[in-house]
Amino acid sequence: MRRPFILATTIVAAIALAGTIATTGGAKPAPRTSTIHLTLVQIGGFDSPGAPRPGFVHAFTDKVTGDNGITGHDVGLCTLMTSTELLCHSQVILTTGQLSFQGTLHQDDHNTPGSIIGGTGAYNGARGTARITDINPTTAEVTINLVR
């Protein structure tokens, strides 16, 4: 009769320990990260009328090429917040899925960070950082570090 009691006590203790580890955080797996390199070449744009001033809006679309044959385009809007800062939102539509970007950019960006705030397809649930470097007025290079 003693043996079933010991077995039951051991099982209950194991379940309690597993619950404690789960509720206190325990060992969490490291987040999966991946890096994507993209080149964006502007193919169209539209500016709100008048001289640039806070509230001025620039709409754009770019041709996108990247690592491993990834291709696509993006569409977005940037609103001038100050004489040097733009709040930008864009949707990057790739052959492998979509990424949503948001960030504060400047004229002549160099390794400027912005946020990846979501994704679909191969990037479902993605979050991370996009670093943008302007090559010339119509071309930018973007390095995206995703954490899933």
Protein backbone atom coordinates (compact mmCIF):
# COMPACT_ATOMS: atom_id res chain seq x y z
CA MET A 1 0.00 0.00 0.00
CA ARG A 2 2.89 2.36 0.58
CA ARG A 3 4.11 2.24 -3.04
CA PRO A 4 1.00 3.91 -4.69
CA PHE A 5 1.12 6.66 -2.05
CA ILE A 6 4.80 7.42 -2.81
CA LEU A 7 4.10 7.39 -6.56
CA ALA A 8 1.11 9.72 -6.15
CA THR A 9 3.11 12.06 -3.89
CA THR A 10 5.96 12.15 -6.45
CA ILE A 11 3.56 12.98 -9.29
CA VAL A 12 1.89 15.75 -7.27
CA ALA A 13 5.30 17.21 -6.37
CA ALA A 14 6.44 17.13 -10.01
CA ILE A 15 3.27 18.90 -11.15
CA ALA A 16 3.68 21.54 -8.41
CA LEU A 17 7.31 22.10 -9.41
CA ALA A 18 6.38 22.45 -13.09
CA GLY A 19 3.68 24.97 -12.15
CA THR A 20 6.12 26.96 -10.03
CA ILE A 21 8.67 27.09 -12.86
CA ALA A 22 5.98 28.15 -15.36
CA THR A 23 4.59 30.91 -13.13
CA THR A 24 7.97 32.29 -12.00
CA GLY A 25 9.41 32.42 -15.49
CA GLY A 26 11.75 29.44 -15.23
CA ALA A 27 14.12 28.95 -18.11
CA LYS A 28 12.74 30.69 -21.16
CA PRO A 29 14.00 29.81 -24.61
CA ALA A 30 16.05 32.48 -26.30
CA PRO A 31 14.05 34.48 -28.86
CA ARG A 32 14.58 33.49 -32.46
CA THR A 33 16.20 36.25 -34.45
CA SER A 34 16.77 36.71 -38.14
CA THR A 35 18.25 39.46 -40.26
CA ILE A 36 16.98 40.65 -43.63
CA HIS A 37 18.84 43.08 -45.89
CA LEU A 38 16.72 45.13 -48.30
CA THR A 39 17.38 47.81 -50.91
CA LEU A 40 14.57 50.30 -51.54
CA VAL A 41 14.41 52.35 -54.73
CA GLN A 42 11.68 55.00 -54.90
CA ILE A 43 9.32 54.49 -57.84
CA GLY A 44 6.65 57.01 -56.95
CA GLY A 45 5.66 59.67 -54.49
CA PHE A 46 3.28 62.48 -53.74
CA ASP A 47 3.77 65.54 -51.52
CA SER A 48 1.03 67.63 -49.99
CA PRO A 49 0.81 71.06 -51.62
CA GLY A 50 2.80 74.03 -50.39
CA ALA A 51 6.17 74.46 -48.77
CA PRO A 52 7.26 71.79 -46.29
CA ARG A 53 6.16 72.71 -42.75
CA PRO A 54 4.99 70.64 -39.78
CA GLY A 55 2.04 68.56 -40.95
CA PHE A 56 3.39 68.29 -44.52
CA VAL A 57 2.77 64.72 -45.82
CA HIS A 58 4.85 62.69 -48.25
CA ALA A 59 3.36 59.48 -49.66
CA PHE A 60 5.72 57.03 -51.35
CA THR A 61 6.19 53.63 -52.90
CA ASP A 62 9.48 51.83 -53.42
CA LYS A 63 10.67 48.80 -55.36
CA VAL A 64 12.20 46.39 -52.82
CA THR A 65 14.88 43.74 -53.42
CA GLY A 66 16.61 41.69 -50.78
CA ASP A 67 18.43 38.60 -49.60
CA ASN A 68 17.71 35.22 -51.17
CA GLY A 69 15.69 36.64 -54.06
CA ILE A 70 13.12 38.42 -51.89
CA THR A 71 11.32 41.06 -53.95
CA GLY A 72 8.32 43.31 -53.54
CA HIS A 73 7.38 46.89 -52.86
CA ASP A 74 6.40 49.15 -50.03
CA VAL A 75 3.86 51.91 -49.57
CA GLY A 76 3.93 54.50 -46.86
CA LEU A 77 3.36 57.96 -45.48
CA CYS A 78 5.71 60.34 -43.71
CA THR A 79 4.45 63.41 -41.86
CA LEU A 80 6.86 66.27 -41.16
CA MET A 81 6.88 66.78 -37.38
CA THR A 82 9.70 69.35 -37.08
CA SER A 83 12.00 70.93 -39.62
CA THR A 84 14.18 67.78 -39.53
CA GLU A 85 11.99 64.90 -38.27
CA LEU A 86 9.42 62.83 -40.12
CA LEU A 87 7.08 60.31 -38.52
CA CYS A 88 6.84 57.48 -41.05
CA HIS A 89 4.61 54.42 -41.41
CA SER A 90 4.97 51.87 -44.17
CA GLN A 91 3.87 48.43 -45.22
CA VAL A 92 6.58 46.34 -46.89
CA ILE A 93 4.92 43.79 -49.16
CA LEU A 94 7.36 40.98 -50.03
CA THR A 95 7.07 37.66 -51.83
CA THR A 96 7.43 35.98 -48.41
CA GLY A 97 4.94 38.07 -46.43
CA GLN A 98 4.42 41.61 -45.16
CA LEU A 99 6.14 43.73 -42.52
CA SER A 100 4.74 46.85 -40.84
CA PHE A 101 7.22 49.64 -40.05
CA GLN A 102 6.96 52.78 -37.93
CA GLY A 103 9.67 55.24 -37.01
CA THR A 104 11.01 58.77 -36.83
CA LEU A 105 13.30 59.44 -39.77
CA HIS A 106 15.44 62.36 -40.89
CA GLN A 107 16.80 63.69 -44.13
CA ASP A 108 20.00 61.73 -44.90
CA ASP A 109 19.47 58.88 -42.45
CA HIS A 110 22.49 56.80 -41.45
CA ASN A 111 21.74 53.59 -39.54
CA THR A 112 18.58 55.23 -38.14
CA PRO A 113 16.41 52.77 -36.16
CA GLY A 114 12.69 52.28 -36.57
CA SER A 115 10.29 49.64 -35.29
CA ILE A 116 8.92 46.55 -36.99
CA ILE A 117 5.50 46.39 -35.36
CA GLY A 118 4.04 43.29 -37.00
CA GLY A 119 4.01 40.99 -39.95
CA THR A 120 2.20 38.35 -41.97
CA GLY A 121 3.20 35.21 -43.86
CA ALA A 122 6.78 34.20 -43.05
CA TYR A 123 6.90 37.19 -40.67
CA ASN A 124 3.68 36.47 -38.77
CA GLY A 125 3.91 38.08 -35.33
CA ALA A 126 7.28 39.64 -36.11
CA ARG A 127 8.73 42.49 -34.13
CA GLY A 128 12.14 44.05 -34.26
CA THR A 129 14.25 46.91 -35.51
CA ALA A 130 14.80 48.25 -39.00
CA ARG A 131 17.94 50.36 -39.51
CA ILE A 132 17.79 52.69 -42.52
CA THR A 133 20.68 54.29 -44.38
CA ASP A 134 20.06 56.65 -47.29
CA ILE A 135 22.37 55.95 -50.25
CA ASN A 136 21.08 58.81 -52.40
CA PRO A 137 17.78 60.78 -52.63
CA THR A 138 15.91 57.82 -54.17
CA THR A 139 17.68 54.75 -52.70
CA ALA A 140 18.00 53.40 -49.16
CA GLU A 141 19.46 50.27 -47.62
CA VAL A 142 17.57 48.67 -44.74
CA THR A 143 18.78 46.03 -42.29
CA ILE A 144 15.91 44.41 -40.40
CA ASN A 145 16.58 42.42 -37.24
CA LEU A 146 13.47 40.41 -36.38
CA VAL A 147 12.75 38.83 -33.01
CA ARG A 148 10.02 36.21 -32.82
